[in-house]
Protein backbone atom coordinates (compact mmCIF):
# COMPACT_ATOMS: atom_id res chain seq x y z
CA UNK A 1 39.39 80.28 -81.72
CA UNK A 2 41.34 77.13 -81.82
CA UNK A 3 39.54 73.77 -81.99
CA UNK A 4 40.18 70.97 -79.42
CA UNK A 5 40.49 67.43 -80.81
CA UNK A 6 38.92 64.61 -78.80
CA UNK A 7 39.75 60.90 -79.33
CA UNK A 8 36.53 58.94 -79.10
CA UNK A 9 38.32 55.58 -78.83
CA UNK A 10 39.90 56.51 -75.49
CA UNK A 11 37.44 58.55 -73.46
CA UNK A 12 38.96 61.10 -71.27
CA UNK A 13 38.62 60.53 -67.50
CA UNK A 14 40.02 63.43 -65.50
CA UNK A 15 39.89 61.35 -62.22
CA UNK A 16 42.15 58.57 -63.51
CA UNK A 17 45.76 59.69 -63.71
CA UNK A 18 46.62 57.21 -66.34
CA UNK A 19 43.48 55.93 -68.07
CA UNK A 20 45.49 53.62 -70.22
CA UNK A 21 46.35 51.35 -67.10
CA UNK A 22 42.71 50.66 -66.05
CA UNK A 23 42.38 47.01 -67.28
CA UNK A 24 45.50 45.93 -65.37
CA UNK A 25 44.29 47.59 -62.21
CA UNK A 26 40.87 45.92 -62.49
CA UNK A 27 42.48 42.50 -62.85
CA UNK A 28 44.59 43.07 -59.74
CA UNK A 29 41.56 44.08 -57.71
CA UNK A 30 39.65 41.02 -58.84
CA UNK A 31 42.50 38.73 -57.76
CA UNK A 32 42.74 40.47 -54.41
CA UNK A 33 38.99 40.19 -53.81
CA UNK A 34 39.12 36.55 -54.89
CA UNK A 35 41.83 35.85 -52.34
CA UNK A 36 39.81 37.59 -49.62
CA UNK A 37 36.74 35.59 -50.56
CA UNK A 38 38.76 32.36 -50.44
CA UNK A 39 40.07 33.30 -47.03
CA UNK A 40 36.55 34.07 -45.75
CA UNK A 41 35.26 30.80 -47.21
CA UNK A 42 38.12 28.94 -45.54
CA UNK A 43 37.37 30.55 -42.22
CA UNK A 44 33.66 29.78 -42.58
CA UNK A 45 34.48 26.17 -43.48
CA UNK A 46 36.68 25.89 -40.39
CA UNK A 47 33.87 27.33 -38.25
CA UNK A 48 31.43 24.93 -39.81
CA UNK A 49 33.75 22.01 -39.08
CA UNK A 50 34.21 23.19 -35.51
CA UNK A 51 30.45 23.65 -35.10
CA UNK A 52 29.83 20.11 -36.37
CA UNK A 53 32.43 18.77 -33.96
CA UNK A 54 30.76 20.68 -31.14
CA UNK A 55 27.39 19.30 -32.20
CA UNK A 56 28.75 15.80 -32.00
CA UNK A 57 30.11 16.51 -28.54
CA UNK A 58 26.76 18.03 -27.56
CA UNK A 59 25.01 14.89 -28.78
CA UNK A 60 27.36 12.83 -26.66
CA UNK A 61 26.76 15.09 -23.68
CA UNK A 62 23.01 14.97 -24.29
CA UNK A 63 23.09 11.20 -24.30
CA UNK A 64 25.15 11.12 -21.12
CA UNK A 65 22.77 13.65 -19.54
CA UNK A 66 19.79 11.47 -20.38
CA UNK A 67 21.55 8.50 -18.84
CA UNK A 68 22.29 10.51 -15.70
CA UNK A 69 18.69 11.71 -15.54
CA UNK A 70 17.46 8.15 -15.83
CA UNK A 71 19.85 7.08 -13.06
CA UNK A 72 18.81 10.05 -10.92
CA UNK A 73 15.14 9.18 -11.45
CA UNK A 74 15.83 5.63 -10.32
CA UNK A 75 17.54 6.85 -7.16
CA UNK A 76 14.78 9.40 -6.58
CA UNK A 77 12.08 6.72 -6.80
CA UNK A 78 14.07 4.57 -4.41
CA UNK A 79 14.48 7.50 -2.01
CA UNK A 80 10.74 8.23 -2.16
CA UNK A 81 9.97 4.63 -1.34
CA UNK A 82 12.35 4.73 1.62
CA UNK A 83 10.90 8.08 2.68
CA UNK A 84 7.38 6.67 2.56
CA UNK A 85 8.43 3.73 4.70
CA UNK A 86 10.22 5.97 7.20
CA UNK A 87 7.60 8.75 7.29
CA UNK A 88 5.07 6.91 9.42
CA UNK A 89 7.76 5.46 11.69
CA UNK A 90 9.27 8.90 12.30
CA UNK A 91 5.83 10.45 12.81
CA UNK A 92 4.89 7.73 15.26
CA UNK A 93 7.95 8.42 17.38
CA UNK A 94 7.28 12.17 17.26
CA UNK A 95 3.73 11.53 18.42
CA UNK A 96 4.96 9.34 21.27
CA UNK A 97 7.49 11.96 22.37
CA UNK A 98 4.95 14.79 22.14
CA UNK A 99 2.28 12.86 24.02
CA UNK A 100 4.79 11.81 26.68
CA UNK A 101 5.64 15.48 27.29
CA UNK A 102 1.95 16.33 27.51
CA UNK A 103 1.38 13.43 29.88
CA UNK A 104 4.14 14.69 32.17
CA UNK A 105 2.39 18.07 32.22
CA UNK A 106 -0.92 16.32 32.83
CA UNK A 107 0.47 14.50 35.86
CA UNK A 108 2.10 17.63 37.26
CA UNK A 109 -0.72 20.08 36.59
CA UNK A 110 -3.75 17.76 36.42
CA UNK A 111 -3.89 17.33 40.19
CA UNK A 112 -4.38 21.09 40.44
CA UNK A 113 -7.20 20.86 37.95
CA UNK A 114 -5.59 23.02 35.23
CA UNK A 115 -4.46 20.90 32.29
CA UNK A 116 -3.15 22.58 29.11
CA UNK A 117 -5.36 20.30 27.01
CA UNK A 118 -8.34 20.53 29.36
CA UNK A 119 -8.18 24.32 29.21
CA UNK A 120 -9.08 24.11 25.53
CA UNK A 121 -12.43 22.55 26.42
CA UNK A 122 -13.56 24.47 29.50
CA UNK A 123 -12.68 25.66 32.99
CA UNK A 124 -13.06 22.77 35.43
CA UNK A 125 -13.44 22.33 39.17
CA UNK A 126 -10.47 21.96 41.51
CA UNK A 127 -9.96 19.42 44.22
CA UNK A 128 -6.75 18.05 45.73
CA UNK A 129 -6.62 15.43 48.48
CA UNK A 130 -4.11 16.32 51.17
CA UNK A 131 -2.88 12.76 51.53
CA UNK A 132 -1.87 12.62 47.83
CA UNK A 133 0.11 15.85 47.49
CA UNK A 134 3.36 14.12 48.29
CA UNK A 135 2.72 11.50 45.63
CA UNK A 136 2.59 14.12 42.87
CA UNK A 137 6.28 14.99 42.83
CA UNK A 138 7.26 11.34 43.26
CA UNK A 139 5.19 10.28 40.27
CA UNK A 140 6.47 13.20 38.20
CA UNK A 141 10.12 12.38 38.82
CA UNK A 142 9.49 8.69 38.17
CA UNK A 143 7.74 9.49 34.90
CA UNK A 144 10.52 11.81 33.73
CA UNK A 145 13.15 9.14 34.41
CA UNK A 146 11.24 6.40 32.67
CA UNK A 147 9.47 8.29 29.86
CA UNK A 148 12.20 7.75 27.28
CA UNK A 149 12.59 4.09 28.20
CA UNK A 150 8.90 3.30 28.25
CA UNK A 151 8.36 4.79 24.78
CA UNK A 152 10.95 2.41 23.33
CA UNK A 153 9.61 -0.60 25.15
CA UNK A 154 6.03 0.17 24.17
CA UNK A 155 6.75 0.04 20.45
CA UNK A 156 8.26 -3.45 20.58
CA UNK A 157 6.16 -5.06 23.28
CA UNK A 158 2.77 -4.01 21.93
CA UNK A 159 3.19 -5.85 18.63
CA UNK A 160 4.28 -9.01 20.40
CA UNK A 161 1.40 -8.81 22.84
CA UNK A 162 -1.12 -8.34 20.05
CA UNK A 163 0.28 -11.37 18.23
CA UNK A 164 0.07 -13.45 21.38
CA UNK A 165 -3.47 -12.26 22.00
CA UNK A 166 -4.51 -13.18 18.47
CA UNK A 167 -3.01 -16.64 18.90
CA UNK A 168 -4.83 -17.05 22.19
CA UNK A 169 -8.10 -15.99 20.58
CA UNK A 170 -7.62 -18.50 17.75
CA UNK A 171 -6.88 -21.27 20.23
CA UNK A 172 -9.92 -20.34 22.31
CA UNK A 173 -12.13 -20.31 19.24
CA UNK A 174 -10.91 -23.76 18.27
CA UNK A 175 -11.66 -25.17 21.73
CA UNK A 176 -15.20 -26.44 22.34
CA UNK A 177 -17.36 -24.00 24.29
CA UNK A 178 -18.29 -26.16 27.27
CA UNK A 179 -19.35 -23.19 29.43
CA UNK A 180 -20.65 -19.64 29.06
CA UNK A 181 -17.78 -17.29 28.27
CA UNK A 182 -17.36 -13.55 28.03
CA UNK A 183 -14.55 -11.18 27.13
CA UNK A 184 -11.92 -9.88 29.51
CA UNK A 185 -10.21 -7.38 27.26
CA UNK A 186 -9.32 -9.38 24.15
CA UNK A 187 -9.37 -12.68 26.03
CA UNK A 188 -12.30 -15.07 26.35
CA UNK A 189 -12.86 -16.21 29.93
CA UNK A 190 -15.58 -17.98 31.86
CA UNK A 191 -18.31 -15.63 33.08
CA UNK A 192 -17.74 -16.51 36.73
CA UNK A 193 -14.03 -15.80 36.29
CA UNK A 194 -14.40 -12.27 34.90
CA UNK A 195 -15.73 -10.77 38.12
CA UNK A 196 -12.65 -11.83 40.08
CA UNK A 197 -10.33 -10.69 37.29
CA UNK A 198 -11.93 -7.23 37.18
CA UNK A 199 -11.81 -7.09 40.98
CA UNK A 200 -8.06 -7.77 40.90
CA UNK A 201 -7.49 -5.09 38.26
CA UNK A 202 -9.06 -2.33 40.34
CA UNK A 203 -7.59 -3.61 43.58
CA UNK A 204 -4.16 -3.20 41.99
CA UNK A 205 -4.73 0.31 40.64
CA UNK A 206 -6.98 1.81 43.33
CA UNK A 207 -4.28 3.86 45.05
CA UNK A 208 -3.05 5.35 41.75
CA UNK A 209 -6.44 5.52 40.05
CA UNK A 210 -6.92 9.31 40.22
CA UNK A 211 -3.33 10.09 39.23
CA UNK A 212 -3.57 7.75 36.25
CA UNK A 213 -6.86 9.30 35.14
CA UNK A 214 -5.18 12.70 34.99
CA UNK A 215 -2.16 11.28 33.17
CA UNK A 216 -4.09 9.18 30.63
CA UNK A 217 -6.64 11.85 29.70
CA UNK A 218 -4.36 14.88 30.20
CA UNK A 219 -6.99 16.19 32.61
CA UNK A 220 -9.87 16.03 30.12
CA UNK A 221 -11.75 13.40 32.16
CA UNK A 222 -12.56 16.18 34.64
CA UNK A 223 -14.19 18.21 31.87
CA UNK A 224 -16.23 15.18 30.81
CA UNK A 225 -17.45 14.62 34.37
CA UNK A 226 -18.34 18.29 34.81
CA UNK A 227 -20.38 18.15 31.59
CA UNK A 228 -21.95 14.91 32.84
CA UNK A 229 -23.21 16.68 36.00
CA UNK A 230 -24.32 19.78 34.08
CA UNK A 231 -26.36 17.67 31.67
CA UNK A 232 -27.92 15.90 34.67
CA UNK A 233 -28.94 19.28 36.19
CA UNK A 234 -30.07 17.79 39.53
CA UNK A 235 -32.62 19.71 41.54
CA UNK A 236 -32.88 20.23 45.30
CA UNK A 237 -33.31 17.05 47.33
CA UNK A 238 -32.25 14.74 44.47
CA UNK A 239 -31.44 11.16 45.52
CA UNK A 240 -28.50 9.87 43.48
CA UNK A 241 -27.31 6.30 43.16
CA UNK A 242 -23.75 6.31 41.79
CA UNK A 243 -22.85 2.77 40.68
CA UNK A 244 -19.21 1.79 40.10
CA UNK A 245 -18.59 5.03 41.95
CA UNK A 246 -15.03 4.09 42.80
CA UNK A 247 -13.12 7.00 44.29
CA UNK A 248 -16.19 9.24 44.42
CA UNK A 249 -15.57 11.70 41.58
CA UNK A 250 -19.18 11.81 40.40
CA UNK A 251 -20.63 11.83 43.93
CA UNK A 252 -18.44 14.76 44.94
CA UNK A 253 -19.25 16.77 41.83
CA UNK A 254 -22.96 16.06 42.32
CA UNK A 255 -22.96 17.34 45.91
CA UNK A 256 -20.90 20.39 44.94
CA UNK A 257 -23.34 21.21 42.15
CA UNK A 258 -26.38 20.98 44.44
CA UNK A 259 -24.67 23.11 47.07
CA UNK A 260 -23.29 25.77 44.72
CA UNK A 261 -26.25 26.07 42.35
CA UNK A 262 -29.23 25.41 44.63
CA UNK A 263 -27.63 26.04 48.04
CA UNK A 264 -29.08 22.66 48.84
CA UNK A 265 -27.84 20.36 51.58
CA UNK A 266 -30.66 17.86 51.30
CA UNK A 267 -29.36 16.03 48.22
CA UNK A 268 -28.08 12.54 49.05
CA UNK A 269 -25.77 10.02 47.43
CA UNK A 270 -25.56 6.25 47.66
CA UNK A 271 -22.19 5.04 46.42
CA UNK A 272 -21.96 1.49 45.04
CA UNK A 273 -18.85 -0.35 43.90
CA UNK A 274 -17.89 -4.01 43.74
CA UNK A 275 -14.36 -3.26 44.95
CA UNK A 276 -13.64 -2.39 48.60
CA UNK A 277 -10.27 -0.87 47.67
CA UNK A 278 -11.93 1.66 45.39
CA UNK A 279 -14.54 2.52 48.01
CA UNK A 280 -11.73 2.98 50.52
CA UNK A 281 -10.10 5.55 48.26
CA UNK A 282 -13.46 7.30 47.89
CA UNK A 283 -13.93 7.57 51.63
CA UNK A 284 -10.74 9.63 51.88
CA UNK A 285 -12.27 12.37 49.74
CA UNK A 286 -15.27 13.14 51.93
CA UNK A 287 -15.51 14.63 55.37
CA UNK A 288 -18.85 12.90 55.65
CA UNK A 289 -18.79 9.74 53.59
CA UNK A 290 -21.90 9.07 51.45
CA UNK A 291 -23.79 5.93 52.22
CA UNK A 292 -21.64 3.27 50.55
CA UNK A 293 -22.49 -0.25 49.40
CA UNK A 294 -20.15 -2.92 48.11
CA UNK A 295 -22.31 -4.59 45.47
CA UNK A 296 -22.33 -5.92 41.94
CA UNK A 297 -24.00 -3.55 39.48
CA UNK A 298 -25.91 -6.50 38.03
CA UNK A 299 -27.51 -7.33 41.40
CA UNK A 300 -28.27 -4.31 43.56
CA UNK A 301 -29.94 -6.37 46.26
CA UNK A 302 -29.65 -3.67 48.94
CA UNK A 303 -31.31 -0.98 46.80
CA UNK A 304 -35.16 -1.08 46.92
CA UNK A 305 -37.36 -0.77 43.84
CA UNK A 306 -38.13 2.76 42.66
CA UNK A 307 -36.06 4.39 45.41
CA UNK A 308 -33.72 6.83 43.60
CA UNK A 309 -34.15 9.83 41.31
CA UNK A 310 -30.98 9.50 39.26
CA UNK A 311 -28.80 6.48 38.51
CA UNK A 312 -25.25 7.20 37.30
CA UNK A 313 -22.43 4.93 36.21
CA UNK A 314 -19.21 6.49 34.88
CA UNK A 315 -16.47 4.46 33.18
CA UNK A 316 -17.67 1.31 34.88
CA UNK A 317 -20.32 -0.44 32.83
CA UNK A 318 -17.87 -1.81 30.26
CA UNK A 319 -16.26 -3.87 33.05
CA UNK A 320 -19.52 -5.67 33.77
CA UNK A 321 -20.17 -9.15 32.41
CA UNK A 322 -23.78 -8.51 31.35
CA UNK A 323 -24.32 -4.91 30.30
CA UNK A 324 -28.02 -5.48 29.61
CA UNK A 325 -28.60 -6.75 33.15
CA UNK A 326 -26.95 -3.65 34.58
CA UNK A 327 -29.29 -1.38 32.62
CA UNK A 328 -32.36 -3.43 33.61
CA UNK A 329 -31.32 -3.25 37.27
CA UNK A 330 -31.02 0.52 36.90
CA UNK A 331 -34.57 0.60 35.55
CA UNK A 332 -35.78 -1.35 38.58
CA UNK A 333 -34.32 0.96 41.24
CA UNK A 334 -35.31 4.24 39.55
CA UNK A 335 -38.52 6.05 40.42
CA UNK A 336 -41.05 6.92 37.75
CA UNK A 337 -39.63 9.88 35.93
CA UNK A 338 -36.15 8.94 37.09
CA UNK A 339 -33.14 9.19 34.85
CA UNK A 340 -30.42 6.74 33.86
CA UNK A 341 -27.10 8.36 32.93
CA UNK A 342 -23.90 6.67 31.78
CA UNK A 343 -20.53 8.21 30.95
CA UNK A 344 -18.36 5.74 29.07
CA UNK A 345 -15.57 5.49 26.53
CA UNK A 346 -16.87 5.03 23.00
CA UNK A 347 -15.86 4.76 19.35
CA UNK A 348 -14.07 7.47 17.37
CA UNK A 349 -15.63 7.73 13.91
CA UNK A 350 -12.95 9.89 12.29
CA UNK A 351 -10.36 7.46 10.81
CA UNK A 352 -7.43 9.89 11.15
CA UNK A 353 -8.15 10.72 14.77
CA UNK A 354 -8.93 7.06 15.38
CA UNK A 355 -5.46 6.07 14.16
CA UNK A 356 -3.74 8.44 16.58
CA UNK A 357 -6.12 7.36 19.33
CA UNK A 358 -5.19 3.70 18.78
CA UNK A 359 -1.49 4.51 18.94
CA UNK A 360 -1.98 6.45 22.16
CA UNK A 361 -4.20 3.76 23.68
CA UNK A 362 -2.10 0.69 22.93
CA UNK A 363 1.42 2.19 23.02
CA UNK A 364 1.29 4.97 25.60
CA UNK A 365 -1.36 4.14 28.22
CA UNK A 366 0.00 0.68 29.22
CA UNK A 367 3.48 2.19 29.44
CA UNK A 368 2.13 4.95 31.70
CA UNK A 369 0.46 2.29 33.82
CA UNK A 370 3.82 0.61 34.27
CA UNK A 371 5.63 3.88 35.03
CA UNK A 372 3.07 5.42 37.40
CA UNK A 373 1.11 2.53 38.90
CA UNK A 374 3.67 -0.25 38.38
CA UNK A 375 1.03 -2.31 36.58
CA UNK A 376 1.07 -2.56 32.79
CA UNK A 377 -1.32 -5.49 32.45
CA UNK A 378 -4.22 -3.78 34.24
CA UNK A 379 -4.09 -0.79 31.93
CA UNK A 380 -3.66 -3.02 28.92
CA UNK A 381 -6.96 -4.61 29.95
CA UNK A 382 -8.61 -1.21 30.40
CA UNK A 383 -7.63 -0.21 26.85
CA UNK A 384 -8.86 -3.51 25.42
CA UNK A 385 -12.15 -3.29 27.35
CA UNK A 386 -12.88 0.02 25.61
CA UNK A 387 -12.59 -1.66 22.21
CA UNK A 388 -14.91 -4.49 23.28
CA UNK A 389 -17.65 -2.18 24.57
CA UNK A 390 -20.59 -1.70 22.17
CA UNK A 391 -20.53 1.40 19.95
CA UNK A 392 -22.79 4.34 20.75
CA UNK A 393 -25.82 3.34 18.68
CA UNK A 394 -25.77 -0.25 19.90
CA UNK A 395 -25.55 0.74 23.56
CA UNK A 396 -28.32 3.33 23.10
CA UNK A 397 -30.53 0.51 21.80
CA UNK A 398 -29.69 -1.62 24.87
CA UNK A 399 -30.92 1.27 27.03
CA UNK A 400 -34.18 1.48 25.06
CA UNK A 401 -34.64 -2.29 25.19
CA UNK A 402 -34.52 -2.11 28.99
CA UNK A 403 -37.59 0.15 28.95
CA UNK A 404 -36.06 3.61 29.00
CA UNK A 405 -37.18 6.42 26.72
CA UNK A 406 -34.43 8.39 25.05
CA UNK A 407 -34.37 11.88 23.59
CA UNK A 408 -33.03 12.06 20.06
CA UNK A 409 -30.32 9.50 19.42
CA UNK A 410 -29.91 8.94 23.16
CA UNK A 411 -26.32 10.04 23.56
CA UNK A 412 -23.89 12.94 23.09
CA UNK A 413 -20.30 12.42 21.95
CA UNK A 414 -17.44 14.07 23.81
CA UNK A 415 -14.04 14.89 22.26
CA UNK A 416 -14.63 13.35 18.80
CA UNK A 417 -16.40 10.32 20.30
CA UNK A 418 -13.61 9.26 22.66
CA UNK A 419 -16.32 9.27 25.33
CA UNK A 420 -20.10 9.66 25.27
CA UNK A 421 -22.90 10.56 27.68
CA UNK A 422 -25.89 8.20 27.41
CA UNK A 423 -29.24 9.04 28.97
CA UNK A 424 -32.69 7.51 29.33
CA UNK A 425 -35.85 8.27 31.32
CA UNK A 426 -38.13 5.84 33.13
CA UNK A 427 -41.62 6.83 32.03
């Protein structure tokens, strides 16, 4: 068997065709890999340079963005300030427009005793005078033509009037008080002058008084008066003295209640008002006119002592010069066990509702007076007289000071305190 010689210096590798060329091949591979690595490093360096350039641009963009954000914030704050200033103005106009629409509905529907707002409170009685049906459409068309104009005028004229009134008040306060004075709205006048001024107010508005009541209250005054009679709960044969009875709303509701609830025709009413024009309007509402007197509520000279069961005065006592004298005179004419009842505008305690109520009172009601009754000043006075009337607690104390006994706090608020029913008993 032949022996095979193997060279240990050059190991045999069957997978390498020519093992003697291996070092040269390895050197070539190393150079090729080195070139590839250099290329990759170059590319990476280029990417790094580009990334750094992009970073610088991003920093520039970030700085510009921050500047834009700061500018935008400045404009946003300015816009918010403008929006805050415009919010209340826009809301006020929206309120005026909405209330004007409701008032138009109140004038149109209120005469038929179904007001959209009044329906929220309760179902009320219905009464329409035949001689006033034709006036309804006339007033409605007039109001629709003038509603947009009166809203604009109200906004500008009210501020000027308030400024003038404040100046007048300051001048009056600076003048020496040489005689007894009282308030006529926001004005100070001599006591003997107020009676004639109030007389002129109601003489001017007497023919439109019922229509304006429906328009101003959106029909709710009817609900208040119905509740007033229900809380009175008169029995058969009750003798009622209705002071400042005007057009006879309370007297009519009283007689209807006695007839419908008790089937009673023996109940009687004495109607008292200082204004003949108002009594004349009241006479048109009755087939048989209640016994009427033209007298001052402070001096009921024709009414004997202790002669009536119930004394009522609705939306009239605030027009009197001496409220305490009116209440004391009521005490005089009432029988023992008789009842004093007063329905009057009062103070709204809720500040939010009070703000809207002030806008409606000073901006809308005088404008309605001008549009419907042709008399802005009279309804401006009526609004101001409400603000000058004592608040609920103070008036309840005046009633107690006159000798009446009250139950609880002595009054019940109606519609957030817009009006209140006061009551006292002669014990």
